[in-house]
Structures are given as C-alpha cells and as structure tokens.
Amino acid sequence: MYPAIFTYEERGVAVEFPDLPGCLTCGKDEEEAIKMAKEAMALHLYSMEKDNDPIPEPSNVKDINTEENEIVCLIEAWMPPFRDEMENRAVKKTLTIPQWLDDIATENNVNFSRILQEGLKKYLGVDEK
C-alpha cells in the first residue's frame, strides 16, 4: 500500500503518489479517483519492475504534509493478477502479406490473429503462459 494525496478541486480530484514520482491521475469524483489511483499505481509499479528500477518503501501517512483541500489515502493494488493481465493483453501488430495471399485467406475466412499466434508459438517453441 502506498499513500496517495487526493487534492479536491472544482473539476474533480487529482491524485499523486509522493513515493512514486510521475505517478499522477485524477477522477471526476472520489470514487473514480480511487479506481484510477489503483490502476495508475499498479501500472507505475509494473513499469518499474520491467525496468528493474528499485521499488521504494512507502512513506508513513503521518509524515505526509497536506494542504487544506487535500487528504492522504492508502492505495493498494494486488500485483500478481495485474502482471498477468499486462503480460497477456492483446497488442496490435501491423503486417504485410501479398495481395493474392490475402485474397485467398479472406475467401477462406482465415482468422489472421489466431494463425499468427499459432505460427509464432510453433516457430519460437513456446506454449501458453
């Protein structure tokens, strides 16, 4: 769990994490801000893990100074399912094939994504994650 500073403004709630520089988000209300904070923090920590950056220890809530329109809220993100989701998310790739091959494949209702995935797994000698 990391402390987040929720700043209440006219247009919504801004969120920043003192221990995670650059990890910022916002929401139209407190409920959305909490949801966005969990997602932003998980994505930030995941990126740090992928880059082999050191993960900082969370600050103690009582050591964080706030302004009149701010509160500190502890935010938690369970990383194992988030990591799985990130590693198995679909990514769009652009590929080039000859027109004649595309025509035949389209006539035969070929699912290009499935065929490419199967071909890559076979070529690389890997199974499902």
Protein backbone atom coordinates (compact mmCIF):
# COMPACT_ATOMS: atom_id res chain seq x y z
CA MET A 1 0.00 0.00 0.00
CA TYR A 2 1.22 3.43 -0.89
CA PRO A 3 -0.08 6.75 0.38
CA ALA A 4 -1.69 8.98 -2.23
CA ILE A 5 -2.53 12.65 -1.86
CA PHE A 6 -6.05 13.42 -3.06
CA THR A 7 -6.44 17.08 -3.98
CA TYR A 8 -10.04 18.23 -4.21
CA GLU A 9 -10.58 20.76 -6.97
CA GLU A 10 -13.63 22.26 -8.68
CA ARG A 11 -13.35 19.91 -11.67
CA GLY A 12 -12.61 16.73 -9.72
CA VAL A 13 -9.99 15.00 -7.62
CA ALA A 14 -6.30 14.97 -8.55
CA VAL A 15 -4.13 12.14 -7.20
CA GLU A 16 -0.38 11.97 -6.72
CA PHE A 17 1.89 9.45 -5.02
CA PRO A 18 4.73 11.08 -3.06
CA ASP A 19 6.80 7.88 -3.18
CA LEU A 20 6.27 7.29 -6.90
CA PRO A 21 7.37 10.39 -8.82
CA GLY A 22 5.46 10.82 -12.05
CA CYS A 23 2.57 8.63 -10.92
CA LEU A 24 -0.37 11.00 -11.30
CA THR A 25 -4.03 10.56 -12.13
CA CYS A 26 -7.43 12.08 -11.45
CA GLY A 27 -11.12 11.38 -11.33
CA LYS A 28 -14.35 13.32 -11.66
CA ASP A 29 -15.22 12.33 -8.07
CA GLU A 30 -13.65 10.49 -5.16
CA GLU A 31 -14.88 7.05 -6.26
CA GLU A 32 -13.41 7.41 -9.74
CA ALA A 33 -10.19 8.89 -8.30
CA ILE A 34 -9.70 5.81 -6.10
CA LYS A 35 -10.25 3.48 -9.06
CA MET A 36 -7.86 5.48 -11.24
CA ALA A 37 -5.29 5.65 -8.42
CA LYS A 38 -5.22 1.85 -8.09
CA GLU A 39 -4.75 1.44 -11.82
CA ALA A 40 -2.11 4.18 -12.10
CA MET A 41 -0.13 2.84 -9.16
CA ALA A 42 -0.20 -0.75 -10.45
CA LEU A 43 0.90 0.35 -13.92
CA HIS A 44 3.67 2.53 -12.45
CA LEU A 45 4.97 -0.31 -10.24
CA TYR A 46 4.74 -2.77 -13.14
CA SER A 47 6.81 -0.42 -15.32
CA MET A 48 9.38 -0.05 -12.55
CA GLU A 49 9.59 -3.84 -12.24
CA LYS A 50 10.06 -4.26 -16.01
CA ASP A 51 12.81 -1.60 -15.99
CA ASN A 52 14.47 -3.21 -12.93
CA ASP A 53 14.11 0.06 -11.04
CA PRO A 54 14.23 -0.18 -7.24
CA ILE A 55 10.75 -0.14 -5.68
CA PRO A 56 10.70 2.44 -2.86
CA GLU A 57 9.32 1.75 0.60
CA PRO A 58 6.01 3.52 1.23
CA SER A 59 6.11 6.61 3.39
CA ASN A 60 4.33 6.71 6.70
CA VAL A 61 0.99 8.50 6.29
CA LYS A 62 1.59 10.69 9.34
CA ASP A 63 4.79 12.05 7.75
CA ILE A 64 2.99 13.46 4.70
CA ASN A 65 2.07 17.14 4.78
CA THR A 66 -1.15 18.21 3.11
CA GLU A 67 -2.91 21.43 2.21
CA GLU A 68 -6.42 22.38 3.30
CA ASN A 69 -8.08 20.78 0.26
CA GLU A 70 -6.03 17.55 0.45
CA ILE A 71 -6.22 14.23 2.24
CA VAL A 72 -3.95 11.20 2.32
CA CYS A 73 -5.44 7.88 1.31
CA LEU A 74 -3.71 4.48 1.29
CA ILE A 75 -3.99 2.79 -2.10
CA GLU A 76 -3.47 -0.91 -2.63
CA ALA A 77 -3.03 -2.85 -5.84
CA TRP A 78 -2.64 -6.61 -5.94
CA MET A 79 0.17 -7.06 -8.43
CA PRO A 80 0.01 -10.78 -9.42
CA PRO A 81 -3.27 -10.53 -11.39
CA PHE A 82 -2.23 -7.13 -12.77
CA ARG A 83 1.05 -8.61 -14.06
CA ASP A 84 -0.85 -11.49 -15.68
CA GLU A 85 -3.26 -9.07 -17.32
CA MET A 86 -0.45 -6.89 -18.66
CA GLU A 87 1.57 -9.82 -19.98
CA ASN A 88 -1.44 -11.38 -21.73
CA ARG A 89 -3.06 -8.22 -23.09
CA ALA A 90 -3.61 -8.08 -26.80
CA VAL A 91 -1.29 -5.84 -28.78
CA LYS A 92 -1.92 -4.69 -32.30
CA LYS A 93 0.70 -5.52 -34.91
CA THR A 94 0.84 -4.38 -38.50
CA LEU A 95 1.93 -6.97 -41.01
CA THR A 96 2.40 -7.17 -44.73
CA ILE A 97 1.43 -10.08 -46.97
CA PRO A 98 0.98 -10.32 -50.75
CA GLN A 99 -2.46 -9.35 -52.07
CA TRP A 100 -3.04 -12.79 -53.65
CA LEU A 101 -2.45 -14.46 -50.25
CA ASP A 102 -4.78 -12.03 -48.51
CA ASP A 103 -7.47 -12.72 -51.12
CA ILE A 104 -7.27 -16.50 -50.64
CA ALA A 105 -7.18 -16.17 -46.85
CA THR A 106 -10.19 -13.83 -46.85
CA GLU A 107 -12.14 -16.23 -49.11
CA ASN A 108 -11.42 -18.97 -46.57
CA ASN A 109 -12.40 -16.87 -43.52
CA VAL A 110 -8.91 -17.09 -42.03
CA ASN A 111 -8.53 -15.64 -38.54
CA PHE A 112 -5.19 -13.86 -39.05
CA SER A 113 -4.61 -13.25 -35.34
CA ARG A 114 -5.08 -16.90 -34.42
CA ILE A 115 -2.89 -18.15 -37.28
CA LEU A 116 -0.11 -15.68 -36.43
CA GLN A 117 -0.24 -16.62 -32.73
CA GLU A 118 -0.12 -20.34 -33.51
CA GLY A 119 2.70 -19.83 -36.00
CA LEU A 120 4.76 -17.71 -33.61
CA LYS A 121 4.35 -20.22 -30.77
CA LYS A 122 5.45 -23.07 -33.04
CA TYR A 123 8.36 -21.07 -34.51
CA LEU A 124 9.56 -19.98 -31.04
CA GLY A 125 8.87 -23.32 -29.37
CA VAL A 126 6.71 -21.83 -26.63
CA ASP A 127 3.43 -22.84 -25.01
CA GLU A 128 0.72 -20.73 -23.44
CA LYS A 129 1.76 -18.64 -20.45
